[in-house]
Protein backbone atom coordinates (compact mmCIF):
# COMPACT_ATOMS: atom_id res chain seq x y z
CA MET A 1 76.14 147.85 56.51
CA ASP A 2 72.55 146.44 55.65
CA SER A 3 70.43 148.28 53.43
CA GLN A 4 66.78 148.35 52.42
CA VAL A 5 67.48 146.78 49.19
CA ASP A 6 69.34 143.95 51.22
CA HIS A 7 66.28 142.96 52.68
CA LYS A 8 63.94 142.30 49.65
CA ARG A 9 61.95 138.93 49.55
CA ARG A 10 63.48 136.29 46.95
CA VAL A 11 62.03 133.38 45.70
CA LEU A 12 64.07 130.26 45.00
CA ASP A 13 63.39 128.75 41.60
CA SER A 14 61.82 125.26 41.71
CA LYS A 15 63.07 123.77 38.80
CA PRO A 16 66.33 121.81 38.88
CA VAL A 17 69.55 123.76 38.37
CA SER A 18 72.80 122.24 36.70
CA PRO A 19 75.88 123.25 38.10
CA SER A 20 77.89 126.15 36.04
CA LEU A 21 81.02 124.70 36.00
CA PHE A 22 83.04 121.70 37.18
CA ALA A 23 85.45 122.89 39.88
CA HIS A 24 87.97 120.66 40.90
CA PHE A 25 88.95 117.31 42.34
CA VAL A 26 91.13 116.21 45.12
CA LEU A 27 93.39 112.99 45.57
CA ARG A 28 94.29 111.26 48.92
CA THR A 29 97.62 110.14 48.57
CA SER A 30 100.69 109.20 50.78
CA ASN A 31 102.80 110.20 47.80
CA ARG A 32 102.13 113.80 47.49
CA ALA A 33 105.07 115.45 46.12
CA PRO A 34 105.50 113.19 42.85
CA LEU A 35 101.90 113.17 42.53
CA ARG A 36 101.75 116.95 42.42
CA ASP A 37 104.91 117.39 40.48
CA TRP A 38 103.29 114.99 37.70
CA TYR A 39 100.19 117.02 37.71
CA LEU A 40 101.69 120.31 37.47
CA LYS A 41 103.49 118.93 34.49
CA VAL A 42 100.78 117.05 32.73
CA LEU A 43 98.43 120.24 32.96
CA ASN A 44 101.08 122.69 32.57
CA ALA A 45 99.73 124.07 35.92
CA ARG A 46 101.14 126.17 38.81
CA GLN A 47 101.04 125.73 42.43
CA VAL A 48 98.57 127.87 44.34
CA PHE A 49 99.20 126.70 47.82
CA GLU A 50 100.88 123.93 49.92
CA ASN A 51 101.57 123.26 53.57
CA GLU A 52 102.53 119.77 55.19
CA TYR A 53 98.82 118.23 54.63
CA ILE A 54 97.46 119.60 51.25
CA SER A 55 98.50 121.19 47.94
CA PHE A 56 96.16 123.10 45.54
CA ILE A 57 97.59 123.62 41.96
CA SER A 58 95.50 125.38 38.88
CA TYR A 59 95.94 125.74 35.01
CA ASP A 60 93.73 128.55 34.51
CA ASP A 61 91.87 131.61 36.73
CA GLU A 62 90.17 129.16 38.76
CA HIS A 63 91.59 129.24 42.62
CA HIS A 64 92.26 125.42 42.42
CA ARG A 65 91.77 122.66 39.88
CA VAL A 66 93.22 119.85 41.37
CA ALA A 67 94.22 119.11 45.26
CA PHE A 68 96.35 116.56 46.86
CA VAL A 69 95.82 115.51 50.53
CA GLN A 70 98.55 113.75 52.08
CA ILE A 71 97.50 110.90 54.31
CA PRO A 72 100.14 108.42 55.59
CA ASP A 73 100.02 104.61 55.09
CA LEU A 74 97.30 104.62 52.41
CA GLU A 75 96.92 101.45 50.17
CA LYS A 76 96.61 101.28 46.40
CA ALA A 77 93.21 100.56 45.53
CA SER A 78 93.03 97.29 43.33
CA ASP A 79 92.47 97.29 39.66
CA LYS A 80 89.09 95.08 40.50
CA ALA A 81 87.87 97.68 42.87
CA TRP A 82 85.08 100.09 41.68
CA GLY A 83 85.29 103.93 41.62
CA LEU A 84 86.68 106.40 39.32
CA ALA A 85 87.75 105.33 35.99
CA HIS A 86 89.45 108.69 35.03
CA VAL A 87 89.25 112.28 34.63
CA ALA A 88 89.47 113.93 31.14
CA TYR A 89 90.60 117.36 30.19
CA THR A 90 89.81 118.63 26.73
CA PHE A 91 92.48 120.79 24.58
CA ALA A 92 91.37 123.43 22.00
CA ASP A 93 92.50 121.49 18.81
CA LEU A 94 94.42 118.31 17.78
CA GLY A 95 97.67 120.20 17.46
CA GLN A 96 97.79 121.31 20.99
CA LEU A 97 97.14 117.58 21.97
CA LEU A 98 99.94 116.26 19.92
CA SER A 99 102.19 118.84 21.16
CA THR A 100 101.60 117.99 24.70
CA TYR A 101 101.99 114.44 23.91
CA ARG A 102 105.48 115.67 22.44
CA ARG A 103 106.32 117.54 25.36
CA LEU A 104 105.23 114.79 28.04
CA LYS A 105 107.08 112.12 26.29
CA ALA A 106 110.39 113.95 26.02
CA ASP A 107 109.98 113.99 29.95
CA GLY A 108 109.24 110.11 30.16
CA ILE A 109 105.67 110.71 30.60
CA VAL A 110 103.84 108.35 27.88
CA PRO A 111 100.37 107.21 27.40
CA VAL A 112 99.27 103.86 28.72
CA ARG A 113 96.66 104.09 25.87
CA THR A 114 95.83 106.23 22.56
CA ILE A 115 92.57 105.89 21.04
CA ASN A 116 89.93 107.27 18.73
CA HIS A 117 86.73 106.94 20.35
CA GLY A 118 84.74 108.68 17.40
CA PRO A 119 83.55 112.05 19.29
CA THR A 120 87.07 112.49 20.58
CA VAL A 121 90.83 111.48 19.89
CA SER A 122 92.07 110.57 23.52
CA MET A 123 95.43 109.80 24.88
CA TYR A 124 95.23 107.95 28.66
CA TYR A 125 98.01 108.55 31.15
CA LYS A 126 98.54 107.15 34.56
CA ASP A 127 99.75 109.20 37.23
CA PRO A 128 102.22 107.90 40.02
CA ASP A 129 99.42 106.50 42.10
CA GLY A 130 98.21 104.55 38.94
CA ASN A 131 95.10 107.21 38.53
CA GLN A 132 94.16 107.52 34.73
CA VAL A 133 94.15 111.03 32.96
CA GLU A 134 92.41 111.44 29.75
CA LEU A 135 93.78 114.13 27.50
CA GLN A 136 91.81 114.45 24.64
CA VAL A 137 90.25 116.77 21.49
CA ASP A 138 86.79 116.63 20.23
CA ALA A 139 86.49 115.38 16.89
CA PHE A 140 82.89 117.26 16.37
CA ASP A 141 81.48 120.31 17.87
CA LYS A 142 79.12 119.13 20.90
CA ALA A 143 75.83 118.44 18.62
CA GLY A 144 78.03 116.35 16.37
CA ALA A 145 79.60 114.47 19.10
CA ALA A 146 76.09 113.59 20.85
CA SER A 147 74.88 112.36 17.46
CA TYR A 148 77.73 110.20 16.75
CA PHE A 149 76.47 107.95 19.89
CA HIS A 150 73.53 107.28 17.51
CA THR A 151 75.56 105.99 14.81
CA GLU A 152 76.20 102.38 13.55
CA PRO A 153 79.93 102.73 13.74
CA PHE A 154 79.63 103.61 17.52
CA ALA A 155 76.85 100.87 17.99
CA LYS A 156 79.21 98.27 16.40
CA ASN A 157 82.30 99.66 18.69
CA PRO A 158 81.43 101.91 21.49
CA ILE A 159 85.17 101.96 22.62
CA GLY A 160 86.86 103.27 19.51
CA VAL A 161 90.03 102.40 17.66
CA LEU A 162 93.59 102.14 19.10
CA PHE A 163 96.18 104.66 17.20
CA ASP A 164 100.01 105.28 16.94
CA ALA A 165 100.31 108.68 18.33
CA ASP A 166 103.90 109.10 16.71
CA LYS A 167 102.45 108.30 13.52
CA MET A 168 99.89 111.05 13.95
CA VAL A 169 102.59 113.56 15.14
CA ALA A 170 104.56 112.69 11.75
CA ASP A 171 101.07 113.01 9.51
CA TYR A 172 99.96 115.70 11.43
CA GLU A 173 103.30 117.57 10.99
CA ALA A 174 103.27 116.38 7.23
CA GLY A 175 100.09 118.27 6.61
CA VAL A 176 97.59 115.76 6.59
CA PRO A 177 94.20 117.57 7.23
CA GLU A 178 93.03 117.65 10.57
CA SER A 179 89.89 116.52 9.81
CA GLU A 180 91.13 113.17 8.62
CA LEU A 181 93.26 112.58 11.46
CA LEU A 182 90.33 113.25 13.91
CA ARG A 183 88.11 110.70 11.97
CA ARG A 184 87.83 107.34 13.25
CA PRO A 185 88.98 104.39 10.98
């Protein structure tokens, strides 16, 4: 029921506004079940809804973070086609990233590239349709990461340095300080 309060005049802000949250992304596929199962495993997610056309999954309190739309007879995009390069997920600390690496490796899901970018330590995976997913941990706080982009090491090599994930796991478990493991060589 309307009240007098509901009819107060409002003025929209004229300043540009940024979104408050990244909500979700949607993948079109002809291979929904394996794709959905891969993301459920990689993101440690749960299925929220599914019918013959679409699946929704989430790993937190958001109603969905990833959706998969089933469309028959789609063709895989060429590696020479432009478009989205990857989607990235950040873990709270290096231990979480490394334990996720170990859990996924035990299930036969291994990264296609492990790289210390400087601002992040990252592991890139390919889903069953060939889309890339980056699992990462920040090496600095947000201000430190932004500052790193203006350093000499980043200017010389903005991509980063490859690392051996199994060696990093062993070093982490042996007690090598996290700050040392996060530092780009």
